[in-house]
Amino acid sequence: MAVGHLLRTTYPSRWRRLYSLPEGQRYPATAADWRELLRRHLTVFADLVGEPAELFLVTGEYDVADSSPPAAWSFTADGVLHGLPFTRLPPVALHTLPVNPHAPAAHQVGDVYRPVCTRLQWPAATGEQFVRAIAEEQLRAFFISVASGYILAPYAGGLDSIFPEEAARNHFRDQHRRWLSPRADGL
């Protein structure tokens, strides 16, 4: 599980969401839906970070304070992550992050996210397997481009992007307006 959903409240002036499918349809139901989902996601990756691109894939697991004491933590890279070398990052105390106005009591003292990351070379052909796994909810991850300053957080139903500055976000909004939510809050 990744914390990509927290990026929106952490970087609100640089955040933008696009829908994977027309009308905000969350899951692809046909081969045409899959083609459209992949086209949108891979287009955004190519537009924002280029191709090929060096990206960091970040994923991890939660420890929740009100659950039983956690066992010794270990991360297993399975599915599309199998065989990739991961590095553990310092745990993130979730209650210290900006409060999500839609879920103000979402995290309490003791809730921790334990991230891991790996470096990837991103051509669309390789990226497609990650986008598919995320759209099928087999993987929760986000991607960081250190070179360009973008964070891309795909999820089942869309793609949240954090831009290096507000002007880049606004340019993207204007370029991909038909893929964006019609809601005032951008969700």
C-alpha atoms as a PDB file:
ATOM      1  CA  MET A   1       0.000   0.000   0.000  1.00  0.00           C
ATOM      2  CA  ALA A   2       1.313   3.481  -0.781  1.00  0.00           C
ATOM      3  CA  VAL A   3       0.528   6.891   0.635  1.00  0.00           C
ATOM      4  CA  GLY A   4      -0.116   8.549  -2.731  1.00  0.00           C
ATOM      5  CA  HIS A   5      -3.573   9.620  -1.573  1.00  0.00           C
ATOM      6  CA  LEU A   6      -1.914  11.855   1.074  1.00  0.00           C
ATOM      7  CA  LEU A   7      -0.060  13.910  -1.529  1.00  0.00           C
ATOM      8  CA  ARG A   8      -3.181  15.927  -2.368  1.00  0.00           C
ATOM      9  CA  THR A   9      -3.386  17.393   1.133  1.00  0.00           C
ATOM     10  CA  THR A  10       0.379  17.743   1.516  1.00  0.00           C
ATOM     11  CA  TYR A  11       0.856  19.685  -1.775  1.00  0.00           C
ATOM     12  CA  PRO A  12      -2.579  21.180  -2.589  1.00  0.00           C
ATOM     13  CA  SER A  13      -1.349  24.052  -4.796  1.00  0.00           C
ATOM     14  CA  ARG A  14       0.721  21.673  -6.959  1.00  0.00           C
ATOM     15  CA  TRP A  15      -1.751  18.758  -7.131  1.00  0.00           C
ATOM     16  CA  ARG A  16      -3.911  17.735 -10.103  1.00  0.00           C
ATOM     17  CA  ARG A  17      -6.014  14.607 -10.679  1.00  0.00           C
ATOM     18  CA  LEU A  18      -7.072  13.071 -13.955  1.00  0.00           C
ATOM     19  CA  TYR A  19      -9.569  10.327 -14.566  1.00  0.00           C
ATOM     20  CA  SER A  20      -8.419   7.066 -16.133  1.00  0.00           C
ATOM     21  CA  LEU A  21     -11.627   6.750 -18.134  1.00  0.00           C
ATOM     22  CA  PRO A  22     -14.370   9.030 -19.502  1.00  0.00           C
ATOM     23  CA  GLU A  23     -17.105  10.187 -17.115  1.00  0.00           C
ATOM     24  CA  GLY A  24     -14.984   9.212 -14.110  1.00  0.00           C
ATOM     25  CA  GLN A  25     -15.563   5.496 -14.714  1.00  0.00           C
ATOM     26  CA  ARG A  26     -13.361   3.795 -12.134  1.00  0.00           C
ATOM     27  CA  TYR A  27     -12.667   0.343 -13.584  1.00  0.00           C
ATOM     28  CA  PRO A  28     -12.099  -0.741 -17.184  1.00  0.00           C
ATOM     29  CA  ALA A  29     -14.814  -3.127 -18.357  1.00  0.00           C
ATOM     30  CA  THR A  30     -13.753  -3.723 -21.961  1.00  0.00           C
ATOM     31  CA  ALA A  31     -10.600  -3.972 -24.036  1.00  0.00           C
ATOM     32  CA  ALA A  32     -11.351  -0.449 -25.322  1.00  0.00           C
ATOM     33  CA  ASP A  33     -11.478   0.813 -21.719  1.00  0.00           C
ATOM     34  CA  TRP A  34      -8.062  -0.743 -21.048  1.00  0.00           C
ATOM     35  CA  ARG A  35      -6.606   0.893 -24.165  1.00  0.00           C
ATOM     36  CA  GLU A  36      -7.959   4.283 -23.052  1.00  0.00           C
ATOM     37  CA  LEU A  37      -6.712   3.889 -19.465  1.00  0.00           C
ATOM     38  CA  LEU A  38      -3.227   2.930 -20.621  1.00  0.00           C
ATOM     39  CA  ARG A  39      -3.182   5.701 -23.240  1.00  0.00           C
ATOM     40  CA  ARG A  40      -4.038   8.357 -20.664  1.00  0.00           C
ATOM     41  CA  HIS A  41      -1.600   7.174 -18.002  1.00  0.00           C
ATOM     42  CA  LEU A  42       1.306   6.545 -20.376  1.00  0.00           C
ATOM     43  CA  THR A  43       0.681   9.890 -22.109  1.00  0.00           C
ATOM     44  CA  VAL A  44       0.902  11.712 -18.777  1.00  0.00           C
ATOM     45  CA  PHE A  45       4.087   9.891 -17.804  1.00  0.00           C
ATOM     46  CA  ALA A  46       5.643  10.722 -21.190  1.00  0.00           C
ATOM     47  CA  ASP A  47       4.486  14.368 -21.053  1.00  0.00           C
ATOM     48  CA  LEU A  48       5.699  14.973 -17.511  1.00  0.00           C
ATOM     49  CA  VAL A  49       8.853  12.892 -17.073  1.00  0.00           C
ATOM     50  CA  GLY A  50       9.789  11.936 -20.626  1.00  0.00           C
ATOM     51  CA  GLU A  51      10.800   8.589 -21.998  1.00  0.00           C
ATOM     52  CA  PRO A  52      13.008   6.933 -21.096  1.00  0.00           C
ATOM     53  CA  ALA A  53      12.972   8.289 -17.561  1.00  0.00           C
ATOM     54  CA  GLU A  54      14.667   7.321 -14.354  1.00  0.00           C
ATOM     55  CA  LEU A  55      11.986   7.042 -11.681  1.00  0.00           C
ATOM     56  CA  PHE A  56      11.771   5.847  -8.121  1.00  0.00           C
ATOM     57  CA  LEU A  57       8.844   3.550  -7.366  1.00  0.00           C
ATOM     58  CA  VAL A  58       7.702   3.920  -3.743  1.00  0.00           C
ATOM     59  CA  THR A  59       5.429   1.434  -2.014  1.00  0.00           C
ATOM     60  CA  GLY A  60       5.188   0.038   1.492  1.00  0.00           C
ATOM     61  CA  GLU A  61       2.918  -1.060   4.300  1.00  0.00           C
ATOM     62  CA  TYR A  62       0.991   0.449   7.202  1.00  0.00           C
ATOM     63  CA  ASP A  63       1.181  -0.318  10.903  1.00  0.00           C
ATOM     64  CA  VAL A  64      -1.971   0.952  12.597  1.00  0.00           C
ATOM     65  CA  ALA A  65      -1.827   1.928  16.283  1.00  0.00           C
ATOM     66  CA  ASP A  66      -5.052   0.189  17.325  1.00  0.00           C
ATOM     67  CA  SER A  67      -4.115  -3.185  15.805  1.00  0.00           C
ATOM     68  CA  SER A  68      -2.308  -5.949  17.616  1.00  0.00           C
ATOM     69  CA  PRO A  69       1.420  -5.385  18.133  1.00  0.00           C
ATOM     70  CA  PRO A  70       3.106  -5.597  14.747  1.00  0.00           C
ATOM     71  CA  ALA A  71       5.325  -8.528  13.940  1.00  0.00           C
ATOM     72  CA  ALA A  72       8.867  -7.852  12.833  1.00  0.00           C
ATOM     73  CA  TRP A  73       8.447  -5.882   9.632  1.00  0.00           C
ATOM     74  CA  SER A  74       9.586  -7.330   6.353  1.00  0.00           C
ATOM     75  CA  PHE A  75       8.706  -6.404   2.796  1.00  0.00           C
ATOM     76  CA  THR A  76       8.109  -8.995   0.097  1.00  0.00           C
ATOM     77  CA  ALA A  77       8.321  -7.863  -3.515  1.00  0.00           C
ATOM     78  CA  ASP A  78       5.779  -9.964  -5.348  1.00  0.00           C
ATOM     79  CA  GLY A  79       3.727  -9.684  -8.529  1.00  0.00           C
ATOM     80  CA  VAL A  80       5.133  -7.033 -10.887  1.00  0.00           C
ATOM     81  CA  LEU A  81       7.642  -6.057  -8.185  1.00  0.00           C
ATOM     82  CA  HIS A  82       9.205  -9.513  -7.976  1.00  0.00           C
ATOM     83  CA  GLY A  83      12.955  -9.422  -8.488  1.00  0.00           C
ATOM     84  CA  LEU A  84      13.337  -5.653  -8.069  1.00  0.00           C
ATOM     85  CA  PRO A  85      15.866  -4.499  -5.457  1.00  0.00           C
ATOM     86  CA  PHE A  86      14.189  -2.394  -2.757  1.00  0.00           C
ATOM     87  CA  THR A  87      15.656  -0.045  -0.181  1.00  0.00           C
ATOM     88  CA  ARG A  88      13.909   0.599   3.120  1.00  0.00           C
ATOM     89  CA  LEU A  89      13.194   4.234   3.886  1.00  0.00           C
ATOM     90  CA  PRO A  90      12.607   5.723   7.349  1.00  0.00           C
ATOM     91  CA  PRO A  91       9.086   5.108   8.720  1.00  0.00           C
ATOM     92  CA  VAL A  92       6.597   7.980   8.388  1.00  0.00           C
ATOM     93  CA  ALA A  93       4.481   8.891  11.429  1.00  0.00           C
ATOM     94  CA  LEU A  94       1.188   9.535   9.625  1.00  0.00           C
ATOM     95  CA  HIS A  95      -0.328  11.753  12.324  1.00  0.00           C
ATOM     96  CA  THR A  96       2.432  14.336  11.650  1.00  0.00           C
ATOM     97  CA  LEU A  97       1.294  14.913   8.050  1.00  0.00           C
ATOM     98  CA  PRO A  98      -1.174  17.684   7.095  1.00  0.00           C
ATOM     99  CA  VAL A  99      -4.751  16.803   8.049  1.00  0.00           C
ATOM    100  CA  ASN A 100      -7.019  15.656   5.246  1.00  0.00           C
ATOM    101  CA  PRO A 101     -10.145  17.862   5.495  1.00  0.00           C
ATOM    102  CA  HIS A 102     -12.236  14.982   4.085  1.00  0.00           C
ATOM    103  CA  ALA A 103     -11.042  12.611   6.854  1.00  0.00           C
ATOM    104  CA  PRO A 104      -9.681  14.737   9.730  1.00  0.00           C
ATOM    105  CA  ALA A 105      -9.335  11.789  12.134  1.00  0.00           C
ATOM    106  CA  ALA A 106      -7.805   9.430   9.582  1.00  0.00           C
ATOM    107  CA  HIS A 107      -4.539   8.893  11.457  1.00  0.00           C
ATOM    108  CA  GLN A 108      -3.718   8.714  15.121  1.00  0.00           C
ATOM    109  CA  VAL A 109      -0.495   8.717  17.097  1.00  0.00           C
ATOM    110  CA  GLY A 110       1.211   5.400  16.412  1.00  0.00           C
ATOM    111  CA  ASP A 111      -0.019   4.984  12.813  1.00  0.00           C
ATOM    112  CA  VAL A 112       3.115   4.452  10.737  1.00  0.00           C
ATOM    113  CA  TYR A 113       3.814   3.961   7.050  1.00  0.00           C
ATOM    114  CA  ARG A 114       6.903   1.877   6.253  1.00  0.00           C
ATOM    115  CA  PRO A 115       8.038   2.811   2.744  1.00  0.00           C
ATOM    116  CA  VAL A 116      10.447   1.057   0.417  1.00  0.00           C
ATOM    117  CA  CYS A 117      11.703   2.247  -2.956  1.00  0.00           C
ATOM    118  CA  THR A 118      13.452   1.011  -6.054  1.00  0.00           C
ATOM    119  CA  ARG A 119      14.952   2.801  -9.048  1.00  0.00           C
ATOM    120  CA  LEU A 120      13.365   2.084 -12.452  1.00  0.00           C
ATOM    121  CA  GLN A 121      14.073   2.940 -16.048  1.00  0.00           C
ATOM    122  CA  TRP A 122      10.644   3.915 -17.404  1.00  0.00           C
ATOM    123  CA  PRO A 123       9.858   3.172 -21.005  1.00  0.00           C
ATOM    124  CA  ALA A 124       6.135   2.870 -21.732  1.00  0.00           C
ATOM    125  CA  ALA A 125       6.506  -0.850 -22.441  1.00  0.00           C
ATOM    126  CA  THR A 126       7.774  -1.485 -18.902  1.00  0.00           C
ATOM    127  CA  GLY A 127       5.529   1.125 -17.304  1.00  0.00           C
ATOM    128  CA  GLU A 128       2.404  -0.520 -18.681  1.00  0.00           C
ATOM    129  CA  GLN A 129       2.788  -3.492 -16.330  1.00  0.00           C
ATOM    130  CA  PHE A 130       2.867  -1.179 -13.281  1.00  0.00           C
ATOM    131  CA  VAL A 131      -0.113   0.881 -14.486  1.00  0.00           C
ATOM    132  CA  ARG A 132      -2.111  -2.322 -15.078  1.00  0.00           C
ATOM    133  CA  ALA A 133      -1.264  -3.743 -11.649  1.00  0.00           C
ATOM    134  CA  ILE A 134      -2.300  -0.479  -9.982  1.00  0.00           C
ATOM    135  CA  ALA A 135      -5.542  -0.215 -11.986  1.00  0.00           C
ATOM    136  CA  GLU A 136      -6.353  -3.810 -10.967  1.00  0.00           C
ATOM    137  CA  GLU A 137      -5.575  -2.913  -7.311  1.00  0.00           C
ATOM    138  CA  GLN A 138      -2.786  -5.501  -7.141  1.00  0.00           C
ATOM    139  CA  LEU A 139      -0.260  -2.772  -6.321  1.00  0.00           C
ATOM    140  CA  ARG A 140      -0.326   0.586  -4.560  1.00  0.00           C
ATOM    141  CA  ALA A 141       2.657   2.724  -5.441  1.00  0.00           C
ATOM    142  CA  PHE A 142       3.717   6.144  -6.585  1.00  0.00           C
ATOM    143  CA  PHE A 143       6.595   7.318  -8.750  1.00  0.00           C
ATOM    144  CA  ILE A 144       9.088  10.130  -8.243  1.00  0.00           C
ATOM    145  CA  SER A 145      11.187  11.790 -10.924  1.00  0.00           C
ATOM    146  CA  VAL A 146      14.062  13.507  -9.177  1.00  0.00           C
ATOM    147  CA  ALA A 147      15.261  14.957 -12.498  1.00  0.00           C
ATOM    148  CA  SER A 148      11.989  16.731 -13.315  1.00  0.00           C
ATOM    149  CA  GLY A 149      10.489  17.178  -9.844  1.00  0.00           C
ATOM    150  CA  TYR A 150       7.226  15.329 -10.531  1.00  0.00           C
ATOM    151  CA  ILE A 151       5.417  12.811  -8.342  1.00  0.00           C
ATOM    152  CA  LEU A 152       2.924  10.555 -10.127  1.00  0.00           C
ATOM    153  CA  ALA A 153       0.484   8.516  -8.051  1.00  0.00           C
ATOM    154  CA  PRO A 154      -1.757   6.272 -10.159  1.00  0.00           C
ATOM    155  CA  TYR A 155      -4.688   4.512  -8.500  1.00  0.00           C
ATOM    156  CA  ALA A 156      -7.712   2.489  -9.604  1.00  0.00           C
ATOM    157  CA  GLY A 157      -9.699   5.211 -11.333  1.00  0.00           C
ATOM    158  CA  GLY A 158      -7.147   7.908 -11.995  1.00  0.00           C
ATOM    159  CA  LEU A 159      -3.762   9.504 -11.573  1.00  0.00           C
ATOM    160  CA  ASP A 160      -2.765  12.165  -9.052  1.00  0.00           C
ATOM    161  CA  SER A 161       0.204  14.306 -10.056  1.00  0.00           C
ATOM    162  CA  ILE A 162       2.308  16.664  -7.974  1.00  0.00           C
ATOM    163  CA  PHE A 163       4.019  19.313 -10.073  1.00  0.00           C
ATOM    164  CA  PRO A 164       7.275  21.126  -9.296  1.00  0.00           C
ATOM    165  CA  GLU A 165       5.404  24.441  -9.366  1.00  0.00           C
ATOM    166  CA  GLU A 166       1.873  25.765  -9.784  1.00  0.00           C
ATOM    167  CA  ALA A 167       2.513  27.090 -13.309  1.00  0.00           C
ATOM    168  CA  ALA A 168       3.389  23.578 -14.540  1.00  0.00           C
ATOM    169  CA  ARG A 169       0.213  22.251 -12.920  1.00  0.00           C
ATOM    170  CA  ASN A 170      -1.876  24.919 -14.661  1.00  0.00           C
ATOM    171  CA  HIS A 171      -0.261  24.183 -18.036  1.00  0.00           C
ATOM    172  CA  PHE A 172      -1.063  20.478 -17.572  1.00  0.00           C
ATOM    173  CA  ARG A 173      -4.657  21.363 -16.602  1.00  0.00           C
ATOM    174  CA  ASP A 174      -5.075  23.351 -19.798  1.00  0.00           C
ATOM    175  CA  GLN A 175      -3.488  20.611 -21.936  1.00  0.00           C
ATOM    176  CA  HIS A 176      -5.583  17.720 -20.512  1.00  0.00           C
ATOM    177  CA  ARG A 177      -8.794  19.475 -19.491  1.00  0.00           C
ATOM    178  CA  ARG A 178     -11.059  16.763 -20.936  1.00  0.00           C
ATOM    179  CA  TRP A 179      -9.489  14.156 -18.619  1.00  0.00           C
ATOM    180  CA  LEU A 180     -10.024  16.187 -15.435  1.00  0.00           C
ATOM    181  CA  SER A 181     -12.834  16.063 -12.922  1.00  0.00           C
ATOM    182  CA  PRO A 182     -15.605  18.617 -13.447  1.00  0.00           C
ATOM    183  CA  ARG A 183     -15.872  19.040  -9.648  1.00  0.00           C
ATOM    184  CA  ALA A 184     -14.637  22.288  -8.089  1.00  0.00           C
ATOM    185  CA  ASP A 185     -12.414  20.369  -5.621  1.00  0.00           C
ATOM    186  CA  GLY A 186     -10.795  18.394  -8.472  1.00  0.00           C
ATOM    187  CA  LEU A 187     -11.753  14.981  -7.046  1.00  0.00           C
END
